Amino acid sequence: MTAAAPEMTYVYAVGRDLAPLEELAARTPGVDGGPLRAVRDGELVALVSSVPADSFDEGGLHAQLEDLARLEALARAHHAVVDAAFAATTVLPMRLATVYLDDSRAREVLVREAARLGRLLDLLDGQVELGLKVYADAAAARRPAAAPTATSPGRAYLQRRRTEQRQSRDLYREAAQLAEEAARLADSLARARVVHRPQQGELAATRAENIANEAYLVPAGSAAAFRDRLTALAADTPGVFVEVTGPWAPYSFTDSPVPEATGGPR
């Protein structure tokens, strides 16, 4: 008889409500279609599944994260579970590919980190994450240049360039001012704030330049008002616009109970 291949415990999220997480586990697949289950200690419940040890130990996980197609599939499966759990009850999302040697190791984390996990769950209860981005679009802001007064083509070109540079400086100054105003307003409506790096290159979703990229923890019932008030800020500023994304599970406001757990067995 062939021995079963070694497995590890993959943790998706931590919550308090056992019943909805058990119900979710019965109908929702995890990574690679593996069945979910609940690991409980006291008031805390971890939503987990088993994954092959040779694919999720340090070496195997590194290889998966280097394969973009595999990384995308892994991220989709992870986020699908977290989003479903978040829709059912308050949960603390774990980082992608948070793995432990077995359920007992995962349960040890629940015991050791119980106070901190409890505080985070209290913070997240009834809240959603909304993303706030401020953009500057030079092309949209560019105004028709006045006819050049210079008589030579070279001087006319220099006049046009100076006009474009002045308009660009004005645009970015206005965008920076609006980003500060947006942050003040969002702070007054939110429970917590996290500042991310502006998105650039392949991460950028638009040709415009991302000036500010932040996340806010907002009461679920106030999400629509947050969106309306923030997006209205740039209505009278050509070339500057505000984007509010979400609501999302609160990834920006939590981390793994033991950061080192991501990327290798514990």
C-alpha atoms as a PDB file:
ATOM      1  CA  MET A   1       0.000   0.000   0.000  1.00  0.00           C
ATOM      2  CA  THR A   2       1.424   3.387  -1.039  1.00  0.00           C
ATOM      3  CA  ALA A   3       1.815   5.903   1.761  1.00  0.00           C
ATOM      4  CA  ALA A   4      -0.093   9.176   1.370  1.00  0.00           C
ATOM      5  CA  ALA A   5       1.992  12.084   0.112  1.00  0.00           C
ATOM      6  CA  PRO A   6       2.970  14.530   2.872  1.00  0.00           C
ATOM      7  CA  GLU A   7       0.671  17.529   3.184  1.00  0.00           C
ATOM      8  CA  MET A   8       0.784  20.961   4.783  1.00  0.00           C
ATOM      9  CA  THR A   9      -1.911  23.284   6.095  1.00  0.00           C
ATOM     10  CA  TYR A  10      -2.741  26.347   4.005  1.00  0.00           C
ATOM     11  CA  VAL A  11      -4.482  29.143   5.935  1.00  0.00           C
ATOM     12  CA  TYR A  12      -6.811  31.563   4.117  1.00  0.00           C
ATOM     13  CA  ALA A  13      -8.403  33.602   6.883  1.00  0.00           C
ATOM     14  CA  VAL A  14      -9.143  33.760  10.594  1.00  0.00           C
ATOM     15  CA  GLY A  15     -12.504  34.626  12.109  1.00  0.00           C
ATOM     16  CA  ARG A  16     -14.678  34.041  15.150  1.00  0.00           C
ATOM     17  CA  ASP A  17     -17.926  32.617  13.797  1.00  0.00           C
ATOM     18  CA  LEU A  18     -17.592  28.865  13.408  1.00  0.00           C
ATOM     19  CA  ALA A  19     -21.001  28.117  11.842  1.00  0.00           C
ATOM     20  CA  PRO A  20     -20.734  30.327   8.717  1.00  0.00           C
ATOM     21  CA  LEU A  21     -17.131  29.259   8.111  1.00  0.00           C
ATOM     22  CA  GLU A  22     -18.045  25.581   8.401  1.00  0.00           C
ATOM     23  CA  GLU A  23     -20.970  26.118   6.028  1.00  0.00           C
ATOM     24  CA  LEU A  24     -18.653  27.895   3.609  1.00  0.00           C
ATOM     25  CA  ALA A  25     -16.104  25.065   3.855  1.00  0.00           C
ATOM     26  CA  ALA A  26     -18.754  22.559   2.823  1.00  0.00           C
ATOM     27  CA  ARG A  27     -19.476  24.289  -0.489  1.00  0.00           C
ATOM     28  CA  THR A  28     -16.320  26.202  -1.456  1.00  0.00           C
ATOM     29  CA  PRO A  29     -13.110  24.691  -2.873  1.00  0.00           C
ATOM     30  CA  GLY A  30      -9.684  25.874  -1.852  1.00  0.00           C
ATOM     31  CA  VAL A  31      -6.383  25.943  -3.726  1.00  0.00           C
ATOM     32  CA  ASP A  32      -6.308  23.333  -6.506  1.00  0.00           C
ATOM     33  CA  GLY A  33      -9.874  22.367  -5.613  1.00  0.00           C
ATOM     34  CA  GLY A  34      -8.939  20.988  -2.204  1.00  0.00           C
ATOM     35  CA  PRO A  35     -11.724  20.863   0.401  1.00  0.00           C
ATOM     36  CA  LEU A  36     -11.771  23.509   3.097  1.00  0.00           C
ATOM     37  CA  ARG A  37     -12.140  22.853   6.811  1.00  0.00           C
ATOM     38  CA  ALA A  38     -12.174  24.870  10.026  1.00  0.00           C
ATOM     39  CA  VAL A  39      -9.426  24.689  12.644  1.00  0.00           C
ATOM     40  CA  ARG A  40     -10.640  26.096  15.970  1.00  0.00           C
ATOM     41  CA  ASP A  41      -9.123  27.151  19.248  1.00  0.00           C
ATOM     42  CA  GLY A  42     -11.278  28.991  21.760  1.00  0.00           C
ATOM     43  CA  GLU A  43     -13.088  31.849  20.022  1.00  0.00           C
ATOM     44  CA  LEU A  44     -10.863  31.823  16.936  1.00  0.00           C
ATOM     45  CA  VAL A  45     -11.379  29.795  13.767  1.00  0.00           C
ATOM     46  CA  ALA A  46      -8.897  29.392  10.913  1.00  0.00           C
ATOM     47  CA  LEU A  47     -10.220  28.487   7.472  1.00  0.00           C
ATOM     48  CA  VAL A  48      -7.699  26.054   5.953  1.00  0.00           C
ATOM     49  CA  SER A  49      -7.097  23.310   3.381  1.00  0.00           C
ATOM     50  CA  SER A  50      -4.419  20.693   2.839  1.00  0.00           C
ATOM     51  CA  VAL A  51      -1.830  21.219   0.093  1.00  0.00           C
ATOM     52  CA  PRO A  52       1.045  19.007  -1.118  1.00  0.00           C
ATOM     53  CA  ALA A  53       4.165  19.526   0.958  1.00  0.00           C
ATOM     54  CA  ASP A  54       6.478  19.238  -2.040  1.00  0.00           C
ATOM     55  CA  SER A  55       4.672  22.152  -3.734  1.00  0.00           C
ATOM     56  CA  PHE A  56       4.384  24.387  -0.692  1.00  0.00           C
ATOM     57  CA  ASP A  57       7.619  23.865   1.207  1.00  0.00           C
ATOM     58  CA  GLU A  58      10.199  26.619   0.760  1.00  0.00           C
ATOM     59  CA  GLY A  59      11.587  25.334  -2.514  1.00  0.00           C
ATOM     60  CA  GLY A  60       8.273  24.325  -4.039  1.00  0.00           C
ATOM     61  CA  LEU A  61       6.582  27.573  -3.110  1.00  0.00           C
ATOM     62  CA  HIS A  62       9.434  29.620  -4.561  1.00  0.00           C
ATOM     63  CA  ALA A  63       9.053  27.795  -7.874  1.00  0.00           C
ATOM     64  CA  GLN A  64       5.295  28.439  -7.909  1.00  0.00           C
ATOM     65  CA  LEU A  65       5.709  32.141  -7.236  1.00  0.00           C
ATOM     66  CA  GLU A  66       8.222  32.415 -10.089  1.00  0.00           C
ATOM     67  CA  ASP A  67       5.681  30.939 -12.542  1.00  0.00           C
ATOM     68  CA  LEU A  68       3.337  33.813 -13.433  1.00  0.00           C
ATOM     69  CA  ALA A  69       0.535  31.573 -14.683  1.00  0.00           C
ATOM     70  CA  ARG A  70       0.689  29.460 -11.540  1.00  0.00           C
ATOM     71  CA  LEU A  71       0.915  32.544  -9.343  1.00  0.00           C
ATOM     72  CA  GLU A  72      -2.232  33.948 -10.964  1.00  0.00           C
ATOM     73  CA  ALA A  73      -4.122  30.692 -10.434  1.00  0.00           C
ATOM     74  CA  LEU A  74      -2.980  30.514  -6.811  1.00  0.00           C
ATOM     75  CA  ALA A  75      -3.974  34.125  -6.157  1.00  0.00           C
ATOM     76  CA  ARG A  76      -7.390  33.648  -7.746  1.00  0.00           C
ATOM     77  CA  ALA A  77      -8.127  30.588  -5.611  1.00  0.00           C
ATOM     78  CA  HIS A  78      -6.893  32.285  -2.437  1.00  0.00           C
ATOM     79  CA  HIS A  79      -8.891  35.462  -3.010  1.00  0.00           C
ATOM     80  CA  ALA A  80     -12.025  33.523  -3.956  1.00  0.00           C
ATOM     81  CA  VAL A  81     -11.981  31.810  -0.559  1.00  0.00           C
ATOM     82  CA  VAL A  82     -11.233  35.019   1.336  1.00  0.00           C
ATOM     83  CA  ASP A  83     -13.929  36.974  -0.521  1.00  0.00           C
ATOM     84  CA  ALA A  84     -16.506  34.247   0.172  1.00  0.00           C
ATOM     85  CA  ALA A  85     -15.537  34.165   3.851  1.00  0.00           C
ATOM     86  CA  PHE A  86     -15.646  37.959   4.052  1.00  0.00           C
ATOM     87  CA  ALA A  87     -19.169  37.928   2.591  1.00  0.00           C
ATOM     88  CA  ALA A  88     -20.256  35.454   5.274  1.00  0.00           C
ATOM     89  CA  THR A  89     -18.679  36.939   8.411  1.00  0.00           C
ATOM     90  CA  THR A  90     -15.879  39.157   9.720  1.00  0.00           C
ATOM     91  CA  VAL A  91     -12.529  37.604   8.838  1.00  0.00           C
ATOM     92  CA  LEU A  92      -8.884  38.508   8.916  1.00  0.00           C
ATOM     93  CA  PRO A  93      -7.387  37.665   5.494  1.00  0.00           C
ATOM     94  CA  MET A  94      -4.051  35.891   5.474  1.00  0.00           C
ATOM     95  CA  ARG A  95      -1.282  36.609   3.023  1.00  0.00           C
ATOM     96  CA  LEU A  96      -1.107  34.564  -0.131  1.00  0.00           C
ATOM     97  CA  ALA A  97       0.468  31.134   0.477  1.00  0.00           C
ATOM     98  CA  THR A  98       0.496  31.232   4.273  1.00  0.00           C
ATOM     99  CA  VAL A  99       1.323  27.623   5.140  1.00  0.00           C
ATOM    100  CA  TYR A 100       2.132  25.583   8.253  1.00  0.00           C
ATOM    101  CA  LEU A 101       3.403  22.062   8.713  1.00  0.00           C
ATOM    102  CA  ASP A 102      -0.001  20.831   9.929  1.00  0.00           C
ATOM    103  CA  ASP A 103      -3.200  21.843  11.694  1.00  0.00           C
ATOM    104  CA  SER A 104      -1.558  21.717  15.100  1.00  0.00           C
ATOM    105  CA  ARG A 105       0.976  24.347  14.053  1.00  0.00           C
ATOM    106  CA  ALA A 106      -1.815  26.553  12.712  1.00  0.00           C
ATOM    107  CA  ARG A 107      -3.709  26.083  15.986  1.00  0.00           C
ATOM    108  CA  GLU A 108      -0.591  27.087  17.947  1.00  0.00           C
ATOM    109  CA  VAL A 109      -0.677  30.425  16.138  1.00  0.00           C
ATOM    110  CA  LEU A 110      -4.298  30.955  17.145  1.00  0.00           C
ATOM    111  CA  VAL A 111      -3.304  30.344  20.752  1.00  0.00           C
ATOM    112  CA  ARG A 112      -0.152  32.445  20.718  1.00  0.00           C
ATOM    113  CA  GLU A 113      -1.643  35.380  18.788  1.00  0.00           C
ATOM    114  CA  ALA A 114      -5.150  35.260  20.294  1.00  0.00           C
ATOM    115  CA  ALA A 115      -5.074  38.756  21.827  1.00  0.00           C
ATOM    116  CA  ARG A 116      -3.729  40.465  18.719  1.00  0.00           C
ATOM    117  CA  LEU A 117      -6.030  38.572  16.373  1.00  0.00           C
ATOM    118  CA  GLY A 118      -8.979  39.476  18.566  1.00  0.00           C
ATOM    119  CA  ARG A 119      -8.080  43.180  18.436  1.00  0.00           C
ATOM    120  CA  LEU A 120      -7.787  43.060  14.639  1.00  0.00           C
ATOM    121  CA  LEU A 121     -11.136  41.301  14.288  1.00  0.00           C
ATOM    122  CA  ASP A 122     -12.703  43.966  16.511  1.00  0.00           C
ATOM    123  CA  LEU A 123     -11.228  46.649  14.223  1.00  0.00           C
ATOM    124  CA  LEU A 124     -12.527  44.977  11.057  1.00  0.00           C
ATOM    125  CA  ASP A 125     -16.013  44.123  12.312  1.00  0.00           C
ATOM    126  CA  GLY A 126     -18.612  45.797  10.082  1.00  0.00           C
ATOM    127  CA  GLN A 127     -15.959  47.463   7.931  1.00  0.00           C
ATOM    128  CA  VAL A 128     -14.920  47.212   4.278  1.00  0.00           C
ATOM    129  CA  GLU A 129     -11.775  48.300   2.493  1.00  0.00           C
ATOM    130  CA  LEU A 130     -12.037  51.018  -0.152  1.00  0.00           C
ATOM    131  CA  GLY A 131      -9.163  52.071  -2.363  1.00  0.00           C
ATOM    132  CA  LEU A 132      -8.578  55.760  -3.081  1.00  0.00           C
ATOM    133  CA  LYS A 133      -6.448  56.812  -6.054  1.00  0.00           C
ATOM    134  CA  VAL A 134      -5.748  60.303  -7.384  1.00  0.00           C
ATOM    135  CA  TYR A 135      -4.519  60.644 -10.977  1.00  0.00           C
ATOM    136  CA  ALA A 136      -3.068  63.426 -13.129  1.00  0.00           C
ATOM    137  CA  ASP A 137      -3.668  63.157 -16.875  1.00  0.00           C
ATOM    138  CA  ALA A 138      -1.525  65.667 -18.755  1.00  0.00           C
ATOM    139  CA  ALA A 139      -3.196  64.934 -22.092  1.00  0.00           C
ATOM    140  CA  ALA A 140      -6.669  65.591 -20.697  1.00  0.00           C
ATOM    141  CA  ALA A 141      -5.546  68.814 -19.028  1.00  0.00           C
ATOM    142  CA  ARG A 142      -3.673  70.249 -21.981  1.00  0.00           C
ATOM    143  CA  ARG A 143      -5.269  73.453 -23.205  1.00  0.00           C
ATOM    144  CA  PRO A 144      -4.916  74.715 -26.799  1.00  0.00           C
ATOM    145  CA  ALA A 145      -1.830  76.877 -27.001  1.00  0.00           C
ATOM    146  CA  ALA A 146      -2.162  80.480 -28.116  1.00  0.00           C
ATOM    147  CA  ALA A 147      -0.677  81.321 -31.478  1.00  0.00           C
ATOM    148  CA  PRO A 148       3.084  81.825 -31.045  1.00  0.00           C
ATOM    149  CA  THR A 149       4.306  85.411 -31.228  1.00  0.00           C
ATOM    150  CA  ALA A 150       7.813  84.459 -32.319  1.00  0.00           C
ATOM    151  CA  THR A 151       8.599  84.901 -36.010  1.00  0.00           C
ATOM    152  CA  SER A 152      11.034  81.986 -36.443  1.00  0.00           C
ATOM    153  CA  PRO A 153      10.005  78.290 -36.273  1.00  0.00           C
ATOM    154  CA  GLY A 154      12.675  77.627 -33.640  1.00  0.00           C
ATOM    155  CA  ARG A 155      11.406  80.329 -31.292  1.00  0.00           C
ATOM    156  CA  ALA A 156       7.798  79.275 -31.864  1.00  0.00           C
ATOM    157  CA  TYR A 157       8.723  75.724 -30.844  1.00  0.00           C
ATOM    158  CA  LEU A 158      10.410  76.965 -27.663  1.00  0.00           C
ATOM    159  CA  GLN A 159       7.334  79.015 -26.788  1.00  0.00           C
ATOM    160  CA  ARG A 160       5.108  75.964 -27.176  1.00  0.00           C
ATOM    161  CA  ARG A 161       7.439  73.855 -25.037  1.00  0.00           C
ATOM    162  CA  ARG A 162       7.490  76.472 -22.260  1.00  0.00           C
ATOM    163  CA  THR A 163       3.695  76.626 -22.331  1.00  0.00           C
ATOM    164  CA  GLU A 164       3.416  72.828 -22.072  1.00  0.00           C
ATOM    165  CA  GLN A 165       5.911  72.719 -19.199  1.00  0.00           C
ATOM    166  CA  ARG A 166       4.022  75.455 -17.323  1.00  0.00           C
ATOM    167  CA  GLN A 167       0.725  73.623 -17.813  1.00  0.00           C
ATOM    168  CA  SER A 168       2.313  70.380 -16.592  1.00  0.00           C
ATOM    169  CA  ARG A 169       3.658  72.054 -13.439  1.00  0.00           C
ATOM    170  CA  ASP A 170       0.254  73.576 -12.762  1.00  0.00           C
ATOM    171  CA  LEU A 171      -1.434  70.192 -13.253  1.00  0.00           C
ATOM    172  CA  TYR A 172       0.805  68.332 -10.807  1.00  0.00           C
ATOM    173  CA  ARG A 173       0.527  71.101  -8.230  1.00  0.00           C
ATOM    174  CA  GLU A 174      -3.270  70.932  -8.469  1.00  0.00           C
ATOM    175  CA  ALA A 175      -3.193  67.119  -8.291  1.00  0.00           C
ATOM    176  CA  ALA A 176      -1.009  67.191  -5.164  1.00  0.00           C
ATOM    177  CA  GLN A 177      -3.312  69.719  -3.507  1.00  0.00           C
ATOM    178  CA  LEU A 178      -6.375  67.658  -4.374  1.00  0.00           C
ATOM    179  CA  ALA A 179      -4.699  64.491  -3.040  1.00  0.00           C
ATOM    180  CA  GLU A 180      -4.165  66.235   0.294  1.00  0.00           C
ATOM    181  CA  GLU A 181      -7.772  67.400   0.355  1.00  0.00           C
ATOM    182  CA  ALA A 182      -8.979  63.901  -0.507  1.00  0.00           C
ATOM    183  CA  ALA A 183      -6.907  62.391   2.301  1.00  0.00           C
ATOM    184  CA  ARG A 184      -8.369  64.823   4.843  1.00  0.00           C
ATOM    185  CA  LEU A 185     -11.927  64.092   3.741  1.00  0.00           C
ATOM    186  CA  ALA A 186     -11.371  60.327   3.612  1.00  0.00           C
ATOM    187  CA  ASP A 187      -9.798  60.378   7.085  1.00  0.00           C
ATOM    188  CA  SER A 188     -12.935  62.034   8.447  1.00  0.00           C
ATOM    189  CA  LEU A 189     -15.104  59.249   7.010  1.00  0.00           C
ATOM    190  CA  ALA A 190     -12.930  56.230   7.739  1.00  0.00           C
ATOM    191  CA  ARG A 191     -11.772  54.212  10.714  1.00  0.00           C
ATOM    192  CA  ALA A 192      -8.229  53.569   9.505  1.00  0.00           C
ATOM    193  CA  ARG A 193      -5.893  54.432   6.624  1.00  0.00           C
ATOM    194  CA  VAL A 194      -2.974  52.757   4.877  1.00  0.00           C
ATOM    195  CA  VAL A 195      -0.769  54.562   2.328  1.00  0.00           C
ATOM    196  CA  HIS A 196       0.525  52.479  -0.585  1.00  0.00           C
ATOM    197  CA  ARG A 197       3.087  53.358  -3.225  1.00  0.00           C
ATOM    198  CA  PRO A 198       1.606  54.997  -6.327  1.00  0.00           C
ATOM    199  CA  GLN A 199       1.099  52.437  -9.075  1.00  0.00           C
ATOM    200  CA  GLN A 200       3.461  52.680 -12.025  1.00  0.00           C
ATOM    201  CA  GLY A 201       4.415  50.680 -15.101  1.00  0.00           C
ATOM    202  CA  GLU A 202       2.517  47.421 -15.558  1.00  0.00           C
ATOM    203  CA  LEU A 203       0.618  47.954 -12.301  1.00  0.00           C
ATOM    204  CA  ALA A 204      -0.950  51.170 -13.585  1.00  0.00           C
ATOM    205  CA  ALA A 205      -4.513  50.759 -14.812  1.00  0.00           C
ATOM    206  CA  THR A 206      -4.538  53.952 -16.903  1.00  0.00           C
ATOM    207  CA  ARG A 207      -2.248  56.190 -18.926  1.00  0.00           C
ATOM    208  CA  ALA A 208      -2.626  58.912 -16.291  1.00  0.00           C
ATOM    209  CA  GLU A 209      -0.009  59.196 -13.548  1.00  0.00           C
ATOM    210  CA  ASN A 210      -1.001  57.859 -10.159  1.00  0.00           C
ATOM    211  CA  ILE A 211      -0.345  60.622  -7.619  1.00  0.00           C
ATOM    212  CA  ALA A 212      -1.829  58.997  -4.507  1.00  0.00           C
ATOM    213  CA  ASN A 213      -2.739  55.383  -3.729  1.00  0.00           C
ATOM    214  CA  GLU A 214      -4.341  54.730  -0.364  1.00  0.00           C
ATOM    215  CA  ALA A 215      -6.692  52.305   1.344  1.00  0.00           C
ATOM    216  CA  TYR A 216      -9.356  53.167   3.911  1.00  0.00           C
ATOM    217  CA  LEU A 217     -11.326  51.056   6.349  1.00  0.00           C
ATOM    218  CA  VAL A 218     -14.892  52.324   6.092  1.00  0.00           C
ATOM    219  CA  PRO A 219     -18.168  51.224   7.732  1.00  0.00           C
ATOM    220  CA  ALA A 220     -19.961  49.015   5.216  1.00  0.00           C
ATOM    221  CA  GLY A 221     -23.062  51.195   5.326  1.00  0.00           C
ATOM    222  CA  SER A 222     -21.058  54.317   4.465  1.00  0.00           C
ATOM    223  CA  ALA A 223     -19.222  52.979   1.417  1.00  0.00           C
ATOM    224  CA  ALA A 224     -21.524  54.609  -1.152  1.00  0.00           C
ATOM    225  CA  ALA A 225     -21.349  58.006   0.539  1.00  0.00           C
ATOM    226  CA  PHE A 226     -17.553  57.730   0.754  1.00  0.00           C
ATOM    227  CA  ARG A 227     -17.372  57.021  -2.981  1.00  0.00           C
ATOM    228  CA  ASP A 228     -19.706  59.868  -3.951  1.00  0.00           C
ATOM    229  CA  ARG A 229     -18.007  62.510  -1.831  1.00  0.00           C
ATOM    230  CA  LEU A 230     -14.473  61.580  -2.844  1.00  0.00           C
ATOM    231  CA  THR A 231     -15.058  61.285  -6.576  1.00  0.00           C
ATOM    232  CA  ALA A 232     -16.838  64.660  -6.599  1.00  0.00           C
ATOM    233  CA  LEU A 233     -13.711  66.469  -5.398  1.00  0.00           C
ATOM    234  CA  ALA A 234     -12.101  66.589  -8.846  1.00  0.00           C
ATOM    235  CA  ALA A 235     -15.208  67.602 -10.777  1.00  0.00           C
ATOM    236  CA  ASP A 236     -13.881  71.109 -11.457  1.00  0.00           C
ATOM    237  CA  THR A 237     -10.189  70.244 -11.937  1.00  0.00           C
ATOM    238  CA  PRO A 238      -9.442  69.323 -15.585  1.00  0.00           C
ATOM    239  CA  GLY A 239      -6.830  66.587 -15.899  1.00  0.00           C
ATOM    240  CA  VAL A 240      -7.177  65.383 -12.283  1.00  0.00           C
ATOM    241  CA  PHE A 241      -9.533  62.600 -11.293  1.00  0.00           C
ATOM    242  CA  VAL A 242     -10.279  60.493  -8.233  1.00  0.00           C
ATOM    243  CA  GLU A 243     -11.015  56.776  -8.350  1.00  0.00           C
ATOM    244  CA  VAL A 244     -12.584  54.842  -5.469  1.00  0.00           C
ATOM    245  CA  THR A 245     -12.354  51.057  -5.741  1.00  0.00           C
ATOM    246  CA  GLY A 246     -13.969  48.304  -3.722  1.00  0.00           C
ATOM    247  CA  PRO A 247     -15.482  47.331  -1.413  1.00  0.00           C
ATOM    248  CA  TRP A 248     -12.870  44.674  -0.741  1.00  0.00           C
ATOM    249  CA  ALA A 249     -11.963  42.297   2.015  1.00  0.00           C
ATOM    250  CA  PRO A 250      -9.598  44.291   4.290  1.00  0.00           C
ATOM    251  CA  TYR A 251      -6.247  42.987   3.005  1.00  0.00           C
ATOM    252  CA  SER A 252      -4.486  46.287   3.671  1.00  0.00           C
ATOM    253  CA  PHE A 253      -5.341  46.262   7.369  1.00  0.00           C
ATOM    254  CA  THR A 254      -4.005  42.900   8.416  1.00  0.00           C
ATOM    255  CA  ASP A 255      -0.977  40.679   8.042  1.00  0.00           C
ATOM    256  CA  SER A 256      -0.122  37.062   8.738  1.00  0.00           C
ATOM    257  CA  PRO A 257      -0.049  36.205  12.478  1.00  0.00           C
ATOM    258  CA  VAL A 258       3.549  35.063  12.017  1.00  0.00           C
ATOM    259  CA  PRO A 259       5.018  36.919   9.014  1.00  0.00           C
ATOM    260  CA  GLU A 260       7.709  34.284   8.530  1.00  0.00           C
ATOM    261  CA  ALA A 261       4.991  31.688   7.907  1.00  0.00           C
ATOM    262  CA  THR A 262       4.589  32.958   4.351  1.00  0.00           C
ATOM    263  CA  GLY A 263       7.159  31.344   2.130  1.00  0.00           C
ATOM    264  CA  GLY A 264       7.964  28.203   4.026  1.00  0.00           C
ATOM    265  CA  PRO A 265       6.713  25.638   6.512  1.00  0.00           C
ATOM    266  CA  ARG A 266       6.405  26.314  10.228  1.00  0.00           C
END
